[in-house]
């Protein structure tokens, strides 16, 4: 069985082994496939294709008729024509939880940067701006405290819940909007609300829903108009 990885560097920059996959067949790993014209010849007659960000279209499937499975080295699968794969009997699988903790951590890191501008203040220390300032208490921009603020989370799956746990540890209250309501997750500091209520009452809004037709363009001039002035998004 032939197995092809189209953009292995994205998931494995060299610190991991492909042996776990190689044991199942003849494995070829391309670190990058930047030219779309190379996708079909590189897949060739392979039966299993791994991709992270290289699109697999219906045209690719038609040209590479041996494909039996397309594996996403990521959570999102919008780069694969799912309907085309279904019609051709090709299985498609993703990795739904590999990045939950790291994405939640990054979300909070971005939020803290918006509140404290750590990068700007670090540069100001190193370039002498603080040293040459007139006051010992120095800041380049207003600093915001998150304790007591309300975080609106749109999409409350694995990542949304992980973000919520960290935010609650910082003293924030949660307003959650999700397609599936899970009452057991509600508490004094977390409750499900309508999207309009979330937009109206949140000091911070973070988006963690999948990109489906009903969520594409969810944040637009109309929903932004419903938000608080000065909301962090």
Protein backbone atom coordinates (compact mmCIF):
# COMPACT_ATOMS: atom_id res chain seq x y z
CA UNK A 1 0.00 0.00 0.00
CA UNK A 2 1.33 3.44 -0.96
CA UNK A 3 1.04 6.34 1.46
CA UNK A 4 1.88 9.98 0.66
CA UNK A 5 2.29 12.95 3.00
CA UNK A 6 1.98 16.19 1.01
CA UNK A 7 3.14 18.77 3.57
CA UNK A 8 4.82 16.93 6.40
CA UNK A 9 6.87 19.86 7.69
CA UNK A 10 3.71 21.59 8.94
CA UNK A 11 3.07 18.81 11.46
CA UNK A 12 6.58 17.44 11.84
CA UNK A 13 9.48 19.92 11.47
CA UNK A 14 11.90 17.14 12.32
CA UNK A 15 11.31 16.29 15.96
CA UNK A 16 8.85 13.43 15.34
CA UNK A 17 9.05 10.06 13.64
CA UNK A 18 6.91 8.87 10.73
CA UNK A 19 7.59 5.23 11.65
CA UNK A 20 4.12 4.74 13.08
CA UNK A 21 2.65 5.42 9.64
CA UNK A 22 5.43 3.81 7.63
CA UNK A 23 4.71 0.41 9.19
CA UNK A 24 1.47 0.26 7.20
CA UNK A 25 2.91 0.71 3.74
CA UNK A 26 5.35 2.35 1.37
CA UNK A 27 5.56 5.89 2.76
CA UNK A 28 6.71 8.99 0.88
CA UNK A 29 6.91 12.27 2.81
CA UNK A 30 7.09 15.62 1.04
CA UNK A 31 7.90 18.40 3.46
CA UNK A 32 6.11 20.97 1.32
CA UNK A 33 4.00 21.00 -1.85
CA UNK A 34 3.76 24.71 -2.68
CA UNK A 35 2.83 24.27 -6.35
CA UNK A 36 -0.76 23.01 -6.90
CA UNK A 37 0.42 21.45 -10.15
CA UNK A 38 2.53 19.00 -8.13
CA UNK A 39 -0.35 17.60 -6.07
CA UNK A 40 -1.62 15.05 -8.59
CA UNK A 41 1.79 13.69 -9.70
CA UNK A 42 2.96 13.44 -6.10
CA UNK A 43 -0.13 11.48 -5.04
CA UNK A 44 0.09 9.32 -8.15
CA UNK A 45 -1.32 5.88 -7.43
CA UNK A 46 -1.17 6.23 -3.64
CA UNK A 47 -4.08 4.82 -1.65
CA UNK A 48 -3.72 6.96 1.46
CA UNK A 49 -3.00 10.70 1.38
CA UNK A 50 -2.03 12.83 4.36
CA UNK A 51 -2.44 16.60 4.12
CA UNK A 52 -2.44 19.53 6.48
CA UNK A 53 -3.11 22.57 4.29
CA UNK A 54 -2.84 21.23 0.72
CA UNK A 55 -6.38 21.21 -0.80
CA UNK A 56 -7.73 17.93 -2.15
CA UNK A 57 -10.41 18.68 -4.75
CA UNK A 58 -12.75 16.53 -6.78
CA UNK A 59 -10.38 16.96 -9.72
CA UNK A 60 -7.52 15.53 -7.67
CA UNK A 61 -9.66 12.57 -6.64
CA UNK A 62 -10.65 11.90 -10.25
CA UNK A 63 -7.03 12.03 -11.39
CA UNK A 64 -5.78 9.83 -8.53
CA UNK A 65 -8.26 7.00 -8.69
CA UNK A 66 -6.48 4.75 -6.17
CA UNK A 67 -7.18 7.06 -3.23
CA UNK A 68 -9.05 5.19 -0.51
CA UNK A 69 -8.50 7.52 2.43
CA UNK A 70 -7.60 11.18 2.98
CA UNK A 71 -6.16 11.97 6.41
CA UNK A 72 -6.03 15.52 7.76
CA UNK A 73 -3.02 16.33 9.92
CA UNK A 74 -5.22 18.95 11.57
CA UNK A 75 -8.69 19.47 13.02
CA UNK A 76 -10.24 21.49 10.19
CA UNK A 77 -11.21 19.59 7.05
CA UNK A 78 -12.53 22.36 4.82
CA UNK A 79 -9.60 21.91 2.41
CA UNK A 80 -11.08 18.56 1.32
CA UNK A 81 -14.13 18.37 -0.95
CA UNK A 82 -16.13 16.21 1.46
CA UNK A 83 -19.08 15.71 -0.88
CA UNK A 84 -16.80 14.57 -3.67
CA UNK A 85 -15.06 12.14 -1.34
CA UNK A 86 -18.39 10.75 -0.14
CA UNK A 87 -19.59 10.17 -3.71
CA UNK A 88 -16.39 8.30 -4.51
CA UNK A 89 -16.40 6.19 -1.36
CA UNK A 90 -13.23 7.83 -0.02
CA UNK A 91 -12.92 7.96 3.76
CA UNK A 92 -11.86 11.29 5.28
CA UNK A 93 -10.57 11.59 8.83
CA UNK A 94 -9.16 14.41 10.93
CA UNK A 95 -7.55 14.86 14.36
CA UNK A 96 -10.25 16.56 16.45
CA UNK A 97 -8.37 17.17 19.70
CA UNK A 98 -4.63 17.31 19.03
CA UNK A 99 -4.34 21.09 19.52
CA UNK A 100 -7.00 21.83 22.15
CA UNK A 101 -4.63 22.91 24.92
CA UNK A 102 -2.24 24.84 22.67
CA UNK A 103 -5.01 26.78 20.86
CA UNK A 104 -6.65 27.66 24.19
CA UNK A 105 -3.28 28.79 25.54
CA UNK A 106 -2.64 30.93 22.47
CA UNK A 107 -6.11 32.49 22.74
CA UNK A 108 -5.42 33.60 26.30
CA UNK A 109 -1.92 34.77 25.32
CA UNK A 110 -3.43 37.00 22.63
CA UNK A 111 -5.99 38.30 25.10
CA UNK A 112 -3.31 39.15 27.67
CA UNK A 113 -1.30 40.90 24.97
CA UNK A 114 -4.35 43.04 24.12
CA UNK A 115 -4.76 43.89 27.80
CA UNK A 116 -1.13 44.60 28.70
CA UNK A 117 0.80 45.05 25.43
CA UNK A 118 3.69 43.11 26.90
CA UNK A 119 5.62 43.15 23.63
CA UNK A 120 5.45 46.95 23.30
CA UNK A 121 6.46 47.50 26.91
CA UNK A 122 9.33 45.05 26.61
CA UNK A 123 10.68 46.95 23.61
CA UNK A 124 10.25 50.23 25.50
CA UNK A 125 12.40 48.85 28.32
CA UNK A 126 15.11 47.67 25.96
CA UNK A 127 15.27 50.78 23.79
CA UNK A 128 15.50 53.18 26.75
CA UNK A 129 12.04 54.74 26.48
CA UNK A 130 11.19 53.83 30.08
CA UNK A 131 14.64 54.80 31.39
CA UNK A 132 14.33 58.22 29.80
CA UNK A 133 10.74 58.73 30.95
CA UNK A 134 9.75 61.40 33.46
CA UNK A 135 7.81 59.00 35.69
CA UNK A 136 8.76 55.73 37.35
CA UNK A 137 5.27 54.35 36.73
CA UNK A 138 5.37 53.86 32.99
CA UNK A 139 2.91 52.59 30.41
CA UNK A 140 2.42 53.10 26.70
CA UNK A 141 -1.28 52.32 26.64
CA UNK A 142 -4.13 51.69 29.08
CA UNK A 143 -3.84 48.36 30.90
CA UNK A 144 -6.98 46.29 31.38
CA UNK A 145 -7.78 43.87 34.19
CA UNK A 146 -9.75 40.76 33.24
CA UNK A 147 -10.97 39.93 36.73
CA UNK A 148 -14.73 40.49 36.84
CA UNK A 149 -15.03 40.97 33.07
CA UNK A 150 -17.36 38.90 30.89
CA UNK A 151 -16.00 36.61 28.19
CA UNK A 152 -18.35 35.62 25.38
CA UNK A 153 -17.43 32.30 23.77
CA UNK A 154 -19.03 31.49 20.42
CA UNK A 155 -18.64 27.75 19.94
CA UNK A 156 -18.26 25.71 23.12
CA UNK A 157 -16.59 22.50 22.03
CA UNK A 158 -13.26 21.21 23.31
CA UNK A 159 -11.32 24.40 22.61
CA UNK A 160 -14.06 26.75 23.76
CA UNK A 161 -14.37 24.88 27.04
CA UNK A 162 -10.59 24.91 27.55
CA UNK A 163 -10.52 28.67 26.98
CA UNK A 164 -13.41 29.05 29.41
CA UNK A 165 -11.61 27.16 32.17
CA UNK A 166 -8.56 29.41 31.91
CA UNK A 167 -10.70 32.55 31.74
CA UNK A 168 -12.64 31.51 34.86
CA UNK A 169 -9.32 30.99 36.67
CA UNK A 170 -8.55 34.64 35.82
CA UNK A 171 -11.82 35.69 37.45
CA UNK A 172 -13.89 36.11 34.31
CA UNK A 173 -17.54 35.20 33.84
CA UNK A 174 -18.62 33.28 30.75
CA UNK A 175 -21.49 33.79 28.33
CA UNK A 176 -21.62 30.89 25.90
CA UNK A 177 -23.38 30.46 22.57
CA UNK A 178 -23.29 27.05 20.94
CA UNK A 179 -25.37 24.87 18.63
CA UNK A 180 -25.59 22.13 21.25
CA UNK A 181 -26.47 23.21 24.80
CA UNK A 182 -25.01 21.12 27.63
CA UNK A 183 -26.72 22.21 30.88
CA UNK A 184 -24.20 20.28 32.99
CA UNK A 185 -21.52 22.79 31.95
CA UNK A 186 -23.44 25.76 33.35
CA UNK A 187 -22.49 27.26 36.71
CA UNK A 188 -22.56 30.54 38.58
CA UNK A 189 -19.84 31.81 36.27
CA UNK A 190 -20.95 30.15 33.02
CA UNK A 191 -24.28 30.21 31.22
CA UNK A 192 -25.64 29.62 27.73
CA UNK A 193 -27.23 32.65 26.07
CA UNK A 194 -28.47 33.74 22.67
CA UNK A 195 -25.95 35.24 20.25
CA UNK A 196 -27.53 38.68 20.62
CA UNK A 197 -27.23 38.56 24.41
CA UNK A 198 -23.62 37.45 24.15
CA UNK A 199 -22.76 40.26 21.74
CA UNK A 200 -24.48 42.85 23.91
CA UNK A 201 -22.98 41.92 27.27
CA UNK A 202 -19.47 40.60 26.61
CA UNK A 203 -16.33 42.61 27.33
CA UNK A 204 -14.30 40.09 25.36
CA UNK A 205 -15.52 37.82 22.55
CA UNK A 206 -13.66 34.79 21.26
CA UNK A 207 -14.70 32.64 18.32
CA UNK A 208 -14.24 28.85 18.45
CA UNK A 209 -16.92 27.43 16.17
CA UNK A 210 -16.19 25.37 13.05
CA UNK A 211 -16.42 27.08 9.67
CA UNK A 212 -19.72 25.87 8.31
CA UNK A 213 -22.04 27.74 5.90
CA UNK A 214 -24.08 28.98 8.86
CA UNK A 215 -21.01 30.37 10.66
CA UNK A 216 -19.20 31.86 7.66
CA UNK A 217 -19.35 35.64 7.94
CA UNK A 218 -20.86 35.41 11.43
CA UNK A 219 -18.90 38.46 12.51
CA UNK A 220 -20.03 41.28 10.22
CA UNK A 221 -21.13 44.90 10.41
CA UNK A 222 -24.49 43.91 11.88
CA UNK A 223 -23.13 41.70 14.67
CA UNK A 224 -20.32 44.18 15.39
CA UNK A 225 -22.94 46.92 15.78
CA UNK A 226 -24.50 44.89 18.62
CA UNK A 227 -21.25 44.70 20.59
CA UNK A 228 -20.12 46.97 23.39
CA UNK A 229 -17.87 49.88 22.49
CA UNK A 230 -14.29 48.88 23.19
CA UNK A 231 -14.96 45.14 23.17
CA UNK A 232 -11.94 42.93 22.63
CA UNK A 233 -12.44 40.34 19.90
